[in-house]
């Protein structure tokens, strides 16, 4: 199964673009920061990841404010067929962290 759920903040957004079929695509860079336990030791985990949302959710994704923690769920895919870089494709957004 390829599913990722992460609490992150939008730190950079691009203009909405459209596929040749007219599907809207919203792109952004997400920033995650948390403390995790590994081998019984606390570890600070920070990363940035490229993310995008397609279709109906793209408008909601594009309208998210910068620097506000949000729960994103989706899947990872290669940036293109020959790339080793990953892009997080968001298909669910929860603005309430307690849900």
PDB file of N, CA and C in Angstrom:
ATOM      1  N   UNK A   1       0.852  -1.180   0.000  1.00  0.00           N
ATOM      2  CA  UNK A   1       0.000   0.000   0.000  1.00  0.00           C
ATOM      3  C   UNK A   1       0.891   1.233   0.000  1.00  0.00           C
ATOM      4  N   UNK A   2       0.522   2.206  -0.753  1.00  0.00           N
ATOM      5  CA  UNK A   2       1.256   3.469  -0.852  1.00  0.00           C
ATOM      6  C   UNK A   2       0.345   4.570  -0.328  1.00  0.00           C
ATOM      7  N   UNK A   3       0.418   4.838   0.968  1.00  0.00           N
ATOM      8  CA  UNK A   3      -0.381   5.902   1.571  1.00  0.00           C
ATOM      9  C   UNK A   3       0.477   6.630   2.589  1.00  0.00           C
ATOM     10  N   UNK A   4       0.427   7.951   2.541  1.00  0.00           N
ATOM     11  CA  UNK A   4       1.200   8.785   3.449  1.00  0.00           C
ATOM     12  C   UNK A   4       0.259   9.793   4.089  1.00  0.00           C
ATOM     13  N   UNK A   5       0.345   9.909   5.418  1.00  0.00           N
ATOM     14  CA  UNK A   5      -0.363  10.957   6.146  1.00  0.00           C
ATOM     15  C   UNK A   5       0.688  11.721   6.927  1.00  0.00           C
ATOM     16  N   UNK A   6       0.689  13.031   6.761  1.00  0.00           N
ATOM     17  CA  UNK A   6       1.703  13.854   7.408  1.00  0.00           C
ATOM     18  C   UNK A   6       1.100  15.184   7.828  1.00  0.00           C
ATOM     19  N   UNK A   7       1.533  15.671   8.988  1.00  0.00           N
ATOM     20  CA  UNK A   7       1.177  17.020   9.427  1.00  0.00           C
ATOM     21  C   UNK A   7       2.289  17.931   8.918  1.00  0.00           C
ATOM     22  N   UNK A   8       1.899  18.940   8.149  1.00  0.00           N
ATOM     23  CA  UNK A   8       2.895  19.815   7.538  1.00  0.00           C
ATOM     24  C   UNK A   8       2.305  21.203   7.326  1.00  0.00           C
ATOM     25  N   UNK A   9       3.194  22.124   6.976  1.00  0.00           N
ATOM     26  CA  UNK A   9       2.806  23.503   6.671  1.00  0.00           C
ATOM     27  C   UNK A   9       3.159  23.796   5.220  1.00  0.00           C
ATOM     28  N   UNK A  10       2.287  24.517   4.526  1.00  0.00           N
ATOM     29  CA  UNK A  10       2.612  24.993   3.184  1.00  0.00           C
ATOM     30  C   UNK A  10       3.589  26.150   3.343  1.00  0.00           C
ATOM     31  N   UNK A  11       4.755  26.045   2.694  1.00  0.00           N
ATOM     32  CA  UNK A  11       5.740  27.128   2.807  1.00  0.00           C
ATOM     33  C   UNK A  11       5.951  27.848   1.478  1.00  0.00           C
ATOM     34  N   UNK A  12       5.454  27.257   0.394  1.00  0.00           N
ATOM     35  CA  UNK A  12       5.600  27.885  -0.925  1.00  0.00           C
ATOM     36  C   UNK A  12       4.525  27.324  -1.844  1.00  0.00           C
ATOM     37  N   UNK A  13       3.893  28.190  -2.635  1.00  0.00           N
ATOM     38  CA  UNK A  13       2.842  27.757  -3.565  1.00  0.00           C
ATOM     39  C   UNK A  13       3.157  28.233  -4.976  1.00  0.00           C
ATOM     40  N   UNK A  14       2.688  27.458  -5.946  1.00  0.00           N
ATOM     41  CA  UNK A  14       2.773  27.851  -7.346  1.00  0.00           C
ATOM     42  C   UNK A  14       1.373  28.155  -7.853  1.00  0.00           C
ATOM     43  N   UNK A  15       1.299  28.855  -8.974  1.00  0.00           N
ATOM     44  CA  UNK A  15      -0.003  29.139  -9.591  1.00  0.00           C
ATOM     45  C   UNK A  15      -0.649  27.831 -10.044  1.00  0.00           C
ATOM     46  N   UNK A  16      -1.963  27.774 -10.005  1.00  0.00           N
ATOM     47  CA  UNK A  16      -2.686  26.595 -10.506  1.00  0.00           C
ATOM     48  C   UNK A  16      -2.434  26.478 -12.001  1.00  0.00           C
ATOM     49  N   UNK A  17      -2.148  25.252 -12.441  1.00  0.00           N
ATOM     50  CA  UNK A  17      -1.985  24.993 -13.870  1.00  0.00           C
ATOM     51  C   UNK A  17      -3.037  23.972 -14.282  1.00  0.00           C
ATOM     52  N   UNK A  18      -3.172  23.759 -15.576  1.00  0.00           N
ATOM     53  CA  UNK A  18      -4.196  22.848 -16.091  1.00  0.00           C
ATOM     54  C   UNK A  18      -3.570  21.833 -17.031  1.00  0.00           C
ATOM     55  N   UNK A  19      -4.006  20.584 -16.910  1.00  0.00           N
ATOM     56  CA  UNK A  19      -3.549  19.536 -17.817  1.00  0.00           C
ATOM     57  C   UNK A  19      -4.190  19.774 -19.186  1.00  0.00           C
ATOM     58  N   UNK A  20      -3.705  19.110 -20.227  1.00  0.00           N
ATOM     59  CA  UNK A  20      -4.362  19.228 -21.544  1.00  0.00           C
ATOM     60  C   UNK A  20      -5.847  18.846 -21.509  1.00  0.00           C
ATOM     61  N   UNK A  21      -6.225  18.003 -20.552  1.00  0.00           N
ATOM     62  CA  UNK A  21      -7.632  17.610 -20.410  1.00  0.00           C
ATOM     63  C   UNK A  21      -8.430  18.613 -19.585  1.00  0.00           C
ATOM     64  N   UNK A  22      -7.777  19.701 -19.118  1.00  0.00           N
ATOM     65  CA  UNK A  22      -8.466  20.735 -18.356  1.00  0.00           C
ATOM     66  C   UNK A  22      -8.555  20.487 -16.864  1.00  0.00           C
ATOM     67  N   UNK A  23      -7.805  19.523 -16.347  1.00  0.00           N
ATOM     68  CA  UNK A  23      -7.834  19.219 -14.910  1.00  0.00           C
ATOM     69  C   UNK A  23      -6.899  20.186 -14.187  1.00  0.00           C
ATOM     70  N   UNK A  24      -7.404  20.885 -13.157  1.00  0.00           N
ATOM     71  CA  UNK A  24      -6.544  21.814 -12.413  1.00  0.00           C
ATOM     72  C   UNK A  24      -5.556  21.072 -11.522  1.00  0.00           C
ATOM     73  N   UNK A  25      -4.330  21.585 -11.469  1.00  0.00           N
ATOM     74  CA  UNK A  25      -3.267  21.021 -10.633  1.00  0.00           C
ATOM     75  C   UNK A  25      -2.694  22.152  -9.783  1.00  0.00           C
ATOM     76  N   UNK A  26      -2.732  21.981  -8.459  1.00  0.00           N
ATOM     77  CA  UNK A  26      -2.131  22.946  -7.532  1.00  0.00           C
ATOM     78  C   UNK A  26      -0.866  22.308  -6.959  1.00  0.00           C
ATOM     79  N   UNK A  27       0.227  23.065  -6.954  1.00  0.00           N
ATOM     80  CA  UNK A  27       1.504  22.561  -6.445  1.00  0.00           C
ATOM     81  C   UNK A  27       2.003  23.430  -5.298  1.00  0.00           C
ATOM     82  N   UNK A  28       2.730  22.789  -4.391  1.00  0.00           N
ATOM     83  CA  UNK A  28       3.281  23.513  -3.236  1.00  0.00           C
ATOM     84  C   UNK A  28       4.462  22.738  -2.667  1.00  0.00           C
ATOM     85  N   UNK A  29       5.190  23.404  -1.800  1.00  0.00           N
ATOM     86  CA  UNK A  29       6.229  22.760  -1.000  1.00  0.00           C
ATOM     87  C   UNK A  29       5.705  22.702   0.422  1.00  0.00           C
ATOM     88  N   UNK A  30       5.747  21.512   1.020  1.00  0.00           N
ATOM     89  CA  UNK A  30       5.306  21.317   2.394  1.00  0.00           C
ATOM     90  C   UNK A  30       6.516  21.135   3.296  1.00  0.00           C
ATOM     91  N   UNK A  31       6.407  21.637   4.531  1.00  0.00           N
ATOM     92  CA  UNK A  31       7.471  21.506   5.529  1.00  0.00           C
ATOM     93  C   UNK A  31       6.917  20.764   6.731  1.00  0.00           C
ATOM     94  N   UNK A  32       7.600  19.690   7.133  1.00  0.00           N
ATOM     95  CA  UNK A  32       7.217  18.906   8.312  1.00  0.00           C
ATOM     96  C   UNK A  32       8.315  19.025   9.363  1.00  0.00           C
ATOM     97  N   UNK A  33       7.906  19.115  10.628  1.00  0.00           N
ATOM     98  CA  UNK A  33       8.852  19.128  11.740  1.00  0.00           C
ATOM     99  C   UNK A  33       8.191  18.438  12.931  1.00  0.00           C
ATOM    100  N   UNK A  34       8.878  17.435  13.491  1.00  0.00           N
ATOM    101  CA  UNK A  34       8.340  16.726  14.653  1.00  0.00           C
ATOM    102  C   UNK A  34       9.470  16.038  15.407  1.00  0.00           C
ATOM    103  N   UNK A  35       9.125  15.554  16.600  1.00  0.00           N
ATOM    104  CA  UNK A  35      10.054  14.711  17.350  1.00  0.00           C
ATOM    105  C   UNK A  35       9.545  13.286  17.264  1.00  0.00           C
ATOM    106  N   UNK A  36      10.426  12.367  16.917  1.00  0.00           N
ATOM    107  CA  UNK A  36      10.092  10.952  16.816  1.00  0.00           C
ATOM    108  C   UNK A  36      11.025  10.176  17.736  1.00  0.00           C
ATOM    109  N   UNK A  37      10.602   8.990  18.126  1.00  0.00           N
ATOM    110  CA  UNK A  37      11.442   8.124  18.951  1.00  0.00           C
ATOM    111  C   UNK A  37      11.974   7.007  18.060  1.00  0.00           C
ATOM    112  N   UNK A  38      13.292   6.876  18.070  1.00  0.00           N
ATOM    113  CA  UNK A  38      13.957   5.816  17.311  1.00  0.00           C
ATOM    114  C   UNK A  38      15.029   5.209  18.202  1.00  0.00           C
ATOM    115  N   UNK A  39      15.011   3.886  18.354  1.00  0.00           N
ATOM    116  CA  UNK A  39      15.965   3.189  19.213  1.00  0.00           C
ATOM    117  C   UNK A  39      15.981   3.792  20.618  1.00  0.00           C
ATOM    118  N   UNK A  40      14.783   4.075  21.130  1.00  0.00           N
ATOM    119  CA  UNK A  40      14.594   4.633  22.475  1.00  0.00           C
ATOM    120  C   UNK A  40      15.193   6.027  22.661  1.00  0.00           C
ATOM    121  N   UNK A  41      15.480   6.722  21.593  1.00  0.00           N
ATOM    122  CA  UNK A  41      16.024   8.081  21.657  1.00  0.00           C
ATOM    123  C   UNK A  41      15.118   9.023  20.877  1.00  0.00           C
ATOM    124  N   UNK A  42      14.941  10.236  21.407  1.00  0.00           N
ATOM    125  CA  UNK A  42      14.176  11.253  20.685  1.00  0.00           C
ATOM    126  C   UNK A  42      15.014  11.790  19.539  1.00  0.00           C
ATOM    127  N   UNK A  43      14.341  12.009  18.426  1.00  0.00           N
ATOM    128  CA  UNK A  43      15.028  12.499  17.230  1.00  0.00           C
ATOM    129  C   UNK A  43      14.179  13.582  16.576  1.00  0.00           C
ATOM    130  N   UNK A  44      14.805  14.707  16.256  1.00  0.00           N
ATOM    131  CA  UNK A  44      14.118  15.775  15.546  1.00  0.00           C
ATOM    132  C   UNK A  44      14.071  15.406  14.068  1.00  0.00           C
ATOM    133  N   UNK A  45      12.861  15.400  13.501  1.00  0.00           N
ATOM    134  CA  UNK A  45      12.669  15.056  12.093  1.00  0.00           C
ATOM    135  C   UNK A  45      12.131  16.283  11.380  1.00  0.00           C
ATOM    136  N   UNK A  46      12.845  16.726  10.367  1.00  0.00           N
ATOM    137  CA  UNK A  46      12.406  17.860   9.562  1.00  0.00           C
ATOM    138  C   UNK A  46      12.649  17.530   8.094  1.00  0.00           C
ATOM    139  N   UNK A  47      11.673  17.845   7.247  1.00  0.00           N
ATOM    140  CA  UNK A  47      11.874  17.676   5.813  1.00  0.00           C
ATOM    141  C   UNK A  47      10.912  18.561   5.033  1.00  0.00           C
ATOM    142  N   UNK A  48      11.303  18.839   3.815  1.00  0.00           N
ATOM    143  CA  UNK A  48      10.447  19.515   2.852  1.00  0.00           C
ATOM    144  C   UNK A  48      10.119  18.508   1.768  1.00  0.00           C
ATOM    145  N   UNK A  49       8.890  18.590   1.243  1.00  0.00           N
ATOM    146  CA  UNK A  49       8.486  17.691   0.173  1.00  0.00           C
ATOM    147  C   UNK A  49       7.622  18.435  -0.833  1.00  0.00           C
ATOM    148  N   UNK A  50       7.848  18.159  -2.101  1.00  0.00           N
ATOM    149  CA  UNK A  50       6.998  18.711  -3.155  1.00  0.00           C
ATOM    150  C   UNK A  50       5.657  17.989  -3.108  1.00  0.00           C
ATOM    151  N   UNK A  51       4.586  18.751  -3.240  1.00  0.00           N
ATOM    152  CA  UNK A  51       3.250  18.163  -3.180  1.00  0.00           C
ATOM    153  C   UNK A  51       2.371  18.778  -4.254  1.00  0.00           C
ATOM    154  N   UNK A  52       1.367  18.014  -4.667  1.00  0.00           N
ATOM    155  CA  UNK A  52       0.385  18.554  -5.600  1.00  0.00           C
ATOM    156  C   UNK A  52      -0.962  17.910  -5.356  1.00  0.00           C
ATOM    157  N   UNK A  53      -2.000  18.623  -5.773  1.00  0.00           N
ATOM    158  CA  UNK A  53      -3.372  18.141  -5.669  1.00  0.00           C
ATOM    159  C   UNK A  53      -4.043  18.381  -7.010  1.00  0.00           C
ATOM    160  N   UNK A  54      -4.801  17.396  -7.470  1.00  0.00           N
ATOM    161  CA  UNK A  54      -5.437  17.477  -8.786  1.00  0.00           C
ATOM    162  C   UNK A  54      -6.949  17.407  -8.651  1.00  0.00           C
ATOM    163  N   UNK A  55      -7.633  18.053  -9.583  1.00  0.00           N
ATOM    164  CA  UNK A  55      -9.089  17.988  -9.620  1.00  0.00           C
ATOM    165  C   UNK A  55      -9.744  18.900  -8.608  1.00  0.00           C
ATOM    166  N   UNK A  56     -10.853  18.434  -8.050  1.00  0.00           N
ATOM    167  CA  UNK A  56     -11.657  19.263  -7.143  1.00  0.00           C
ATOM    168  C   UNK A  56     -10.885  19.740  -5.917  1.00  0.00           C
ATOM    169  N   UNK A  57     -10.022  18.918  -5.381  1.00  0.00           N
ATOM    170  CA  UNK A  57      -9.293  19.276  -4.157  1.00  0.00           C
ATOM    171  C   UNK A  57      -8.217  20.335  -4.417  1.00  0.00           C
ATOM    172  N   UNK A  58      -7.871  20.569  -5.668  1.00  0.00           N
ATOM    173  CA  UNK A  58      -6.801  21.523  -5.989  1.00  0.00           C
ATOM    174  C   UNK A  58      -7.127  22.938  -5.504  1.00  0.00           C
ATOM    175  N   UNK A  59      -8.382  23.346  -5.579  1.00  0.00           N
ATOM    176  CA  UNK A  59      -8.773  24.675  -5.111  1.00  0.00           C
ATOM    177  C   UNK A  59      -8.577  24.823  -3.620  1.00  0.00           C
ATOM    178  N   UNK A  60      -9.009  23.815  -2.849  1.00  0.00           N
ATOM    179  CA  UNK A  60      -8.834  23.826  -1.392  1.00  0.00           C
ATOM    180  C   UNK A  60      -7.345  23.835  -1.051  1.00  0.00           C
ATOM    181  N   UNK A  61      -6.568  23.026  -1.752  1.00  0.00           N
ATOM    182  CA  UNK A  61      -5.129  22.942  -1.520  1.00  0.00           C
ATOM    183  C   UNK A  61      -4.461  24.282  -1.798  1.00  0.00           C
ATOM    184  N   UNK A  62      -4.837  24.913  -2.908  1.00  0.00           N
ATOM    185  CA  UNK A  62      -4.236  26.189  -3.299  1.00  0.00           C
ATOM    186  C   UNK A  62      -4.600  27.325  -2.335  1.00  0.00           C
ATOM    187  N   UNK A  63      -5.768  27.265  -1.717  1.00  0.00           N
ATOM    188  CA  UNK A  63      -6.232  28.322  -0.820  1.00  0.00           C
ATOM    189  C   UNK A  63      -5.712  28.179   0.610  1.00  0.00           C
ATOM    190  N   UNK A  64      -5.004  27.112   0.924  1.00  0.00           N
ATOM    191  CA  UNK A  64      -4.471  26.958   2.284  1.00  0.00           C
ATOM    192  C   UNK A  64      -3.518  28.102   2.614  1.00  0.00           C
ATOM    193  N   UNK A  65      -3.604  28.627   3.816  1.00  0.00           N
ATOM    194  CA  UNK A  65      -2.672  29.699   4.202  1.00  0.00           C
ATOM    195  C   UNK A  65      -1.271  29.139   4.413  1.00  0.00           C
ATOM    196  N   UNK A  66      -0.297  30.001   4.279  1.00  0.00           N
ATOM    197  CA  UNK A  66       1.087  29.612   4.540  1.00  0.00           C
ATOM    198  C   UNK A  66       1.312  29.456   6.040  1.00  0.00           C
ATOM    199  N   UNK A  67       2.219  28.556   6.409  1.00  0.00           N
ATOM    200  CA  UNK A  67       2.684  28.373   7.792  1.00  0.00           C
ATOM    201  C   UNK A  67       1.609  27.974   8.794  1.00  0.00           C
ATOM    202  N   UNK A  68       0.585  27.244   8.353  1.00  0.00           N
ATOM    203  CA  UNK A  68      -0.443  26.712   9.250  1.00  0.00           C
ATOM    204  C   UNK A  68      -0.398  25.192   9.148  1.00  0.00           C
ATOM    205  N   UNK A  69      -0.314  24.504  10.283  1.00  0.00           N
ATOM    206  CA  UNK A  69      -0.238  23.049  10.254  1.00  0.00           C
ATOM    207  C   UNK A  69      -1.560  22.445   9.799  1.00  0.00           C
ATOM    208  N   UNK A  70      -1.446  21.502   8.875  1.00  0.00           N
ATOM    209  CA  UNK A  70      -2.588  20.839   8.254  1.00  0.00           C
ATOM    210  C   UNK A  70      -2.230  19.358   8.138  1.00  0.00           C
ATOM    211  N   UNK A  71      -3.240  18.474   8.174  1.00  0.00           N
ATOM    212  CA  UNK A  71      -3.023  17.046   7.974  1.00  0.00           C
ATOM    213  C   UNK A  71      -3.294  16.727   6.502  1.00  0.00           C
ATOM    214  N   UNK A  72      -2.276  16.209   5.826  1.00  0.00           N
ATOM    215  CA  UNK A  72      -2.381  15.841   4.418  1.00  0.00           C
ATOM    216  C   UNK A  72      -2.309  14.323   4.298  1.00  0.00           C
ATOM    217  N   UNK A  73      -3.160  13.752   3.459  1.00  0.00           N
ATOM    218  CA  UNK A  73      -3.112  12.317   3.163  1.00  0.00           C
ATOM    219  C   UNK A  73      -3.073  12.161   1.653  1.00  0.00           C
ATOM    220  N   UNK A  74      -2.274  11.213   1.212  1.00  0.00           N
ATOM    221  CA  UNK A  74      -2.171  10.949  -0.217  1.00  0.00           C
ATOM    222  C   UNK A  74      -1.187   9.831  -0.470  1.00  0.00           C
ATOM    223  N   UNK A  75      -0.484   9.904  -1.596  1.00  0.00           N
ATOM    224  CA  UNK A  75       0.448   8.850  -1.975  1.00  0.00           C
ATOM    225  C   UNK A  75       1.678   9.463  -2.632  1.00  0.00           C
ATOM    226  N   UNK A  76       2.741   8.686  -2.699  1.00  0.00           N
ATOM    227  CA  UNK A  76       3.992   9.137  -3.304  1.00  0.00           C
ATOM    228  C   UNK A  76       4.138   8.543  -4.699  1.00  0.00           C
ATOM    229  N   UNK A  77       4.672   9.352  -5.604  1.00  0.00           N
ATOM    230  CA  UNK A  77       4.903   8.904  -6.981  1.00  0.00           C
ATOM    231  C   UNK A  77       6.161   9.596  -7.490  1.00  0.00           C
ATOM    232  N   UNK A  78       6.830   8.994  -8.445  1.00  0.00           N
ATOM    233  CA  UNK A  78       7.998   9.629  -9.051  1.00  0.00           C
ATOM    234  C   UNK A  78       7.582  10.911  -9.761  1.00  0.00           C
ATOM    235  N   UNK A  79       8.484  11.880  -9.744  1.00  0.00           N
ATOM    236  CA  UNK A  79       8.217  13.157 -10.411  1.00  0.00           C
ATOM    237  C   UNK A  79       7.937  12.942 -11.900  1.00  0.00           C
ATOM    238  N   UNK A  80       8.681  12.048 -12.510  1.00  0.00           N
ATOM    239  CA  UNK A  80       8.401  11.596 -13.877  1.00  0.00           C
ATOM    240  C   UNK A  80       8.969  10.185 -14.020  1.00  0.00           C
ATOM    241  N   UNK A  81       8.746   9.577 -15.138  1.00  0.00           N
ATOM    242  CA  UNK A  81       9.103   8.172 -15.333  1.00  0.00           C
ATOM    243  C   UNK A  81      10.568   7.860 -15.033  1.00  0.00           C
ATOM    244  N   UNK A  82      11.475   8.767 -15.396  1.00  0.00           N
ATOM    245  CA  UNK A  82      12.903   8.508 -15.241  1.00  0.00           C
ATOM    246  C   UNK A  82      13.519   9.120 -13.983  1.00  0.00           C
ATOM    247  N   UNK A  83      12.708   9.759 -13.151  1.00  0.00           N
ATOM    248  CA  UNK A  83      13.208  10.470 -11.974  1.00  0.00           C
ATOM    249  C   UNK A  83      13.257   9.565 -10.750  1.00  0.00           C
ATOM    250  N   UNK A  84      14.206   9.851  -9.867  1.00  0.00           N
ATOM    251  CA  UNK A  84      14.233   9.202  -8.558  1.00  0.00           C
ATOM    252  C   UNK A  84      13.573  10.078  -7.503  1.00  0.00           C
ATOM    253  N   UNK A  85      13.285  11.333  -7.848  1.00  0.00           N
ATOM    254  CA  UNK A  85      12.628  12.266  -6.928  1.00  0.00           C
ATOM    255  C   UNK A  85      11.154  11.899  -6.776  1.00  0.00           C
ATOM    256  N   UNK A  86      10.652  12.096  -5.559  1.00  0.00           N
ATOM    257  CA  UNK A  86       9.253  11.777  -5.273  1.00  0.00           C
ATOM    258  C   UNK A  86       8.422  13.047  -5.125  1.00  0.00           C
ATOM    259  N   UNK A  87       7.134  12.928  -5.462  1.00  0.00           N
ATOM    260  CA  UNK A  87       6.153  13.988  -5.272  1.00  0.00           C
ATOM    261  C   UNK A  87       4.998  13.389  -4.480  1.00  0.00           C
ATOM    262  N   UNK A  88       4.538  14.137  -3.492  1.00  0.00           N
ATOM    263  CA  UNK A  88       3.416  13.738  -2.653  1.00  0.00           C
ATOM    264  C   UNK A  88       2.137  14.210  -3.329  1.00  0.00           C
ATOM    265  N   UNK A  89       1.297  13.277  -3.766  1.00  0.00           N
ATOM    266  CA  UNK A  89       0.012  13.611  -4.381  1.00  0.00           C
ATOM    267  C   UNK A  89      -1.057  13.589  -3.294  1.00  0.00           C
ATOM    268  N   UNK A  90      -1.575  14.744  -2.971  1.00  0.00           N
ATOM    269  CA  UNK A  90      -2.529  14.912  -1.876  1.00  0.00           C
ATOM    270  C   UNK A  90      -3.938  14.647  -2.379  1.00  0.00           C
ATOM    271  N   UNK A  91      -4.676  13.782  -1.661  1.00  0.00           N
ATOM    272  CA  UNK A  91      -6.077  13.557  -2.026  1.00  0.00           C
ATOM    273  C   UNK A  91      -7.031  13.760  -0.848  1.00  0.00           C
ATOM    274  N   UNK A  92      -6.488  14.173   0.313  1.00  0.00           N
ATOM    275  CA  UNK A  92      -7.338  14.527   1.458  1.00  0.00           C
ATOM    276  C   UNK A  92      -6.616  15.575   2.288  1.00  0.00           C
ATOM    277  N   UNK A  93      -7.379  16.580   2.736  1.00  0.00           N
ATOM    278  CA  UNK A  93      -6.834  17.660   3.562  1.00  0.00           C
ATOM    279  C   UNK A  93      -7.732  17.812   4.777  1.00  0.00           C
ATOM    280  N   UNK A  94      -7.120  17.807   5.968  1.00  0.00           N
ATOM    281  CA  UNK A  94      -7.860  18.065   7.210  1.00  0.00           C
ATOM    282  C   UNK A  94      -7.195  19.233   7.895  1.00  0.00           C
ATOM    283  N   UNK A  95      -7.941  20.292   8.087  1.00  0.00           N
ATOM    284  CA  UNK A  95      -7.376  21.477   8.733  1.00  0.00           C
ATOM    285  C   UNK A  95      -7.480  21.393  10.244  1.00  0.00           C
ATOM    286  N   UNK A  96      -8.314  20.491  10.763  1.00  0.00           N
ATOM    287  CA  UNK A  96      -8.440  20.282  12.200  1.00  0.00           C
ATOM    288  C   UNK A  96      -7.540  19.122  12.588  1.00  0.00           C
ATOM    289  N   UNK A  97      -6.477  19.370  13.326  1.00  0.00           N
ATOM    290  CA  UNK A  97      -5.513  18.329  13.680  1.00  0.00           C
ATOM    291  C   UNK A  97      -6.081  17.265  14.603  1.00  0.00           C
ATOM    292  N   UNK A  98      -7.222  17.510  15.213  1.00  0.00           N
ATOM    293  CA  UNK A  98      -7.801  16.566  16.167  1.00  0.00           C
ATOM    294  C   UNK A  98      -8.732  15.548  15.517  1.00  0.00           C
ATOM    295  N   UNK A  99      -9.051  15.715  14.253  1.00  0.00           N
ATOM    296  CA  UNK A  99      -9.942  14.763  13.554  1.00  0.00           C
ATOM    297  C   UNK A  99      -9.244  13.445  13.291  1.00  0.00           C
TER     298      UNK A  99
END
